[in-house]
Amino acid sequence: MGITEEELAETIQLAASVGAGTIRAMARRASKKSEPDINGLGSLI
């Protein structure tokens, strides 16, 4: 008794979906850190 091809496909799809979500979240965090702080720019003028 093993895993069916359909169960394997569902498992792979779930893993890929979770992985993609993690990558998107990391990219969003990195993007926010690289954006200038608008309030902080006043000190440069």
PDB file of N, CA and C in Angstrom:
ATOM      1  N   MET A   1       0.850  -1.178   0.000  1.00  0.00           N
ATOM      2  CA  MET A   1       0.000   0.000   0.000  1.00  0.00           C
ATOM      3  C   MET A   1       0.892   1.236   0.000  1.00  0.00           C
ATOM      4  N   GLY A   2       0.768   2.037  -1.048  1.00  0.00           N
ATOM      5  CA  GLY A   2       1.582   3.240  -1.170  1.00  0.00           C
ATOM      6  C   GLY A   2       0.720   4.429  -1.536  1.00  0.00           C
ATOM      7  N   ILE A   3       1.386   5.417  -2.010  1.00  0.00           N
ATOM      8  CA  ILE A   3       0.699   6.649  -2.387  1.00  0.00           C
ATOM      9  C   ILE A   3       0.269   6.559  -3.858  1.00  0.00           C
ATOM     10  N   THR A   4      -0.897   7.083  -4.150  1.00  0.00           N
ATOM     11  CA  THR A   4      -1.373   7.070  -5.536  1.00  0.00           C
ATOM     12  C   THR A   4      -0.739   8.232  -6.296  1.00  0.00           C
ATOM     13  N   GLU A   5      -0.805   8.151  -7.604  1.00  0.00           N
ATOM     14  CA  GLU A   5      -0.250   9.216  -8.435  1.00  0.00           C
ATOM     15  C   GLU A   5      -0.974  10.538  -8.170  1.00  0.00           C
ATOM     16  N   GLU A   6      -2.275  10.471  -7.942  1.00  0.00           N
ATOM     17  CA  GLU A   6      -3.063  11.678  -7.659  1.00  0.00           C
ATOM     18  C   GLU A   6      -2.641  12.303  -6.327  1.00  0.00           C
ATOM     19  N   GLU A   7      -2.433  11.472  -5.312  1.00  0.00           N
ATOM     20  CA  GLU A   7      -1.993  11.985  -4.006  1.00  0.00           C
ATOM     21  C   GLU A   7      -0.607  12.615  -4.113  1.00  0.00           C
ATOM     22  N   LEU A   8       0.254  11.992  -4.890  1.00  0.00           N
ATOM     23  CA  LEU A   8       1.596  12.531  -5.087  1.00  0.00           C
ATOM     24  C   LEU A   8       1.527  13.890  -5.784  1.00  0.00           C
ATOM     25  N   ALA A   9       0.685  13.996  -6.807  1.00  0.00           N
ATOM     26  CA  ALA A   9       0.527  15.262  -7.528  1.00  0.00           C
ATOM     27  C   ALA A   9      -0.004  16.353  -6.602  1.00  0.00           C
ATOM     28  N   GLU A  10      -0.978  16.015  -5.752  1.00  0.00           N
ATOM     29  CA  GLU A  10      -1.528  16.992  -4.806  1.00  0.00           C
ATOM     30  C   GLU A  10      -0.467  17.445  -3.810  1.00  0.00           C
ATOM     31  N   THR A  11       0.345  16.512  -3.352  1.00  0.00           N
ATOM     32  CA  THR A  11       1.403  16.836  -2.393  1.00  0.00           C
ATOM     33  C   THR A  11       2.427  17.775  -3.019  1.00  0.00           C
ATOM     34  N   ILE A  12       2.811  17.482  -4.251  1.00  0.00           N
ATOM     35  CA  ILE A  12       3.783  18.331  -4.951  1.00  0.00           C
ATOM     36  C   ILE A  12       3.203  19.720  -5.189  1.00  0.00           C
ATOM     37  N   GLN A  13       1.931  19.781  -5.579  1.00  0.00           N
ATOM     38  CA  GLN A  13       1.283  21.073  -5.826  1.00  0.00           C
ATOM     39  C   GLN A  13       1.224  21.900  -4.540  1.00  0.00           C
ATOM     40  N   LEU A  14       0.891  21.260  -3.429  1.00  0.00           N
ATOM     41  CA  LEU A  14       0.829  21.963  -2.149  1.00  0.00           C
ATOM     42  C   LEU A  14       2.206  22.488  -1.751  1.00  0.00           C
ATOM     43  N   ALA A  15       3.225  21.645  -1.899  1.00  0.00           N
ATOM     44  CA  ALA A  15       4.582  22.064  -1.545  1.00  0.00           C
ATOM     45  C   ALA A  15       5.039  23.239  -2.405  1.00  0.00           C
ATOM     46  N   ALA A  16       4.726  23.196  -3.691  1.00  0.00           N
ATOM     47  CA  ALA A  16       5.107  24.289  -4.592  1.00  0.00           C
ATOM     48  C   ALA A  16       4.377  25.572  -4.225  1.00  0.00           C
ATOM     49  N   SER A  17       3.117  25.449  -3.857  1.00  0.00           N
ATOM     50  CA  SER A  17       2.314  26.613  -3.489  1.00  0.00           C
ATOM     51  C   SER A  17       2.854  27.261  -2.213  1.00  0.00           C
ATOM     52  N   VAL A  18       3.173  26.455  -1.235  1.00  0.00           N
ATOM     53  CA  VAL A  18       3.726  26.974   0.025  1.00  0.00           C
ATOM     54  C   VAL A  18       5.076  27.625  -0.238  1.00  0.00           C
ATOM     55  N   GLY A  19       5.897  26.979  -1.052  1.00  0.00           N
ATOM     56  CA  GLY A  19       7.207  27.536  -1.385  1.00  0.00           C
ATOM     57  C   GLY A  19       7.093  28.874  -2.084  1.00  0.00           C
ATOM     58  N   ALA A  20       6.164  28.979  -3.020  1.00  0.00           N
ATOM     59  CA  ALA A  20       5.966  30.232  -3.756  1.00  0.00           C
ATOM     60  C   ALA A  20       5.487  31.334  -2.815  1.00  0.00           C
ATOM     61  N   GLY A  21       4.614  30.990  -1.890  1.00  0.00           N
ATOM     62  CA  GLY A  21       4.125  31.973  -0.918  1.00  0.00           C
ATOM     63  C   GLY A  21       5.241  32.485  -0.029  1.00  0.00           C
ATOM     64  N   THR A  22       6.124  31.598   0.367  1.00  0.00           N
ATOM     65  CA  THR A  22       7.258  31.983   1.206  1.00  0.00           C
ATOM     66  C   THR A  22       8.186  32.926   0.448  1.00  0.00           C
ATOM     67  N   ILE A  23       8.443  32.600  -0.809  1.00  0.00           N
ATOM     68  CA  ILE A  23       9.323  33.441  -1.623  1.00  0.00           C
ATOM     69  C   ILE A  23       8.703  34.822  -1.825  1.00  0.00           C
ATOM     70  N   ARG A  24       7.387  34.876  -2.077  1.00  0.00           N
ATOM     71  CA  ARG A  24       6.714  36.169  -2.251  1.00  0.00           C
ATOM     72  C   ARG A  24       6.807  37.001  -0.977  1.00  0.00           C
ATOM     73  N   ALA A  25       6.596  36.362   0.170  1.00  0.00           N
ATOM     74  CA  ALA A  25       6.656  37.085   1.444  1.00  0.00           C
ATOM     75  C   ALA A  25       8.063  37.633   1.688  1.00  0.00           C
ATOM     76  N   MET A  26       9.074  36.839   1.380  1.00  0.00           N
ATOM     77  CA  MET A  26      10.452  37.293   1.564  1.00  0.00           C
ATOM     78  C   MET A  26      10.763  38.462   0.627  1.00  0.00           C
ATOM     79  N   ALA A  27      10.255  38.395  -0.597  1.00  0.00           N
ATOM     80  CA  ALA A  27      10.490  39.478  -1.562  1.00  0.00           C
ATOM     81  C   ALA A  27       9.813  40.764  -1.100  1.00  0.00           C
ATOM     82  N   ARG A  28       8.601  40.646  -0.543  1.00  0.00           N
ATOM     83  CA  ARG A  28       7.894  41.829  -0.043  1.00  0.00           C
ATOM     84  C   ARG A  28       8.673  42.473   1.096  1.00  0.00           C
ATOM     85  N   ARG A  29       9.165  41.653   2.010  1.00  0.00           N
ATOM     86  CA  ARG A  29       9.935  42.196   3.139  1.00  0.00           C
ATOM     87  C   ARG A  29      11.191  42.903   2.642  1.00  0.00           C
ATOM     88  N   ALA A  30      11.879  42.284   1.700  1.00  0.00           N
ATOM     89  CA  ALA A  30      13.108  42.885   1.166  1.00  0.00           C
ATOM     90  C   ALA A  30      12.792  44.191   0.450  1.00  0.00           C
ATOM     91  N   SER A  31      11.683  44.230  -0.259  1.00  0.00           N
ATOM     92  CA  SER A  31      11.282  45.434  -0.978  1.00  0.00           C
ATOM     93  C   SER A  31      10.977  46.564   0.001  1.00  0.00           C
ATOM     94  N   LYS A  32      10.291  46.261   1.077  1.00  0.00           N
ATOM     95  CA  LYS A  32       9.960  47.288   2.073  1.00  0.00           C
ATOM     96  C   LYS A  32      11.218  47.832   2.735  1.00  0.00           C
ATOM     97  N   LYS A  33      12.204  46.977   2.970  1.00  0.00           N
ATOM     98  CA  LYS A  33      13.433  47.428   3.615  1.00  0.00           C
ATOM     99  C   LYS A  33      14.244  48.326   2.690  1.00  0.00           C
ATOM    100  N   SER A  34      14.114  48.143   1.378  1.00  0.00           N
ATOM    101  CA  SER A  34      14.918  48.925   0.442  1.00  0.00           C
ATOM    102  C   SER A  34      14.250  50.239   0.046  1.00  0.00           C
ATOM    103  N   GLU A  35      12.965  50.423   0.387  1.00  0.00           N
ATOM    104  CA  GLU A  35      12.275  51.669   0.066  1.00  0.00           C
ATOM    105  C   GLU A  35      12.704  52.753   1.052  1.00  0.00           C
ATOM    106  N   PRO A  36      12.924  53.971   0.557  1.00  0.00           N
ATOM    107  CA  PRO A  36      13.313  55.052   1.477  1.00  0.00           C
ATOM    108  C   PRO A  36      12.153  55.427   2.394  1.00  0.00           C
ATOM    109  N   ASP A  37      12.496  55.842   3.578  1.00  0.00           N
ATOM    110  CA  ASP A  37      11.490  56.302   4.532  1.00  0.00           C
ATOM    111  C   ASP A  37      11.165  57.752   4.193  1.00  0.00           C
ATOM    112  N   ILE A  38       9.956  58.003   3.746  1.00  0.00           N
ATOM    113  CA  ILE A  38       9.562  59.341   3.291  1.00  0.00           C
ATOM    114  C   ILE A  38       9.713  60.360   4.423  1.00  0.00           C
ATOM    115  N   ASN A  39       9.382  59.998   5.631  1.00  0.00           N
ATOM    116  CA  ASN A  39       9.516  60.925   6.760  1.00  0.00           C
ATOM    117  C   ASN A  39      10.981  61.238   7.034  1.00  0.00           C
ATOM    118  N   GLY A  40      11.843  60.297   6.758  1.00  0.00           N
ATOM    119  CA  GLY A  40      13.258  60.489   7.017  1.00  0.00           C
ATOM    120  C   GLY A  40      13.946  61.382   6.002  1.00  0.00           C
ATOM    121  N   LEU A  41      13.334  61.604   4.842  1.00  0.00           N
ATOM    122  CA  LEU A  41      13.960  62.426   3.812  1.00  0.00           C
ATOM    123  C   LEU A  41      13.988  63.901   4.192  1.00  0.00           C
ATOM    124  N   GLY A  42      13.092  64.340   5.060  1.00  0.00           N
ATOM    125  CA  GLY A  42      13.072  65.736   5.484  1.00  0.00           C
ATOM    126  C   GLY A  42      14.365  66.149   6.158  1.00  0.00           C
ATOM    127  N   SER A  43      15.017  65.245   6.792  1.00  0.00           N
ATOM    128  CA  SER A  43      16.267  65.570   7.477  1.00  0.00           C
ATOM    129  C   SER A  43      17.410  65.796   6.493  1.00  0.00           C
ATOM    130  N   LEU A  44      17.229  65.387   5.240  1.00  0.00           N
ATOM    131  CA  LEU A  44      18.282  65.573   4.246  1.00  0.00           C
ATOM    132  C   LEU A  44      18.226  66.955   3.602  1.00  0.00           C
ATOM    133  N   ILE A  45      17.117  67.670   3.773  1.00  0.00           N
ATOM    134  CA  ILE A  45      16.938  68.975   3.103  1.00  0.00           C
ATOM    135  C   ILE A  45      17.481  70.090   3.981  1.00  0.00           C
TER     136      ILE A  45
END
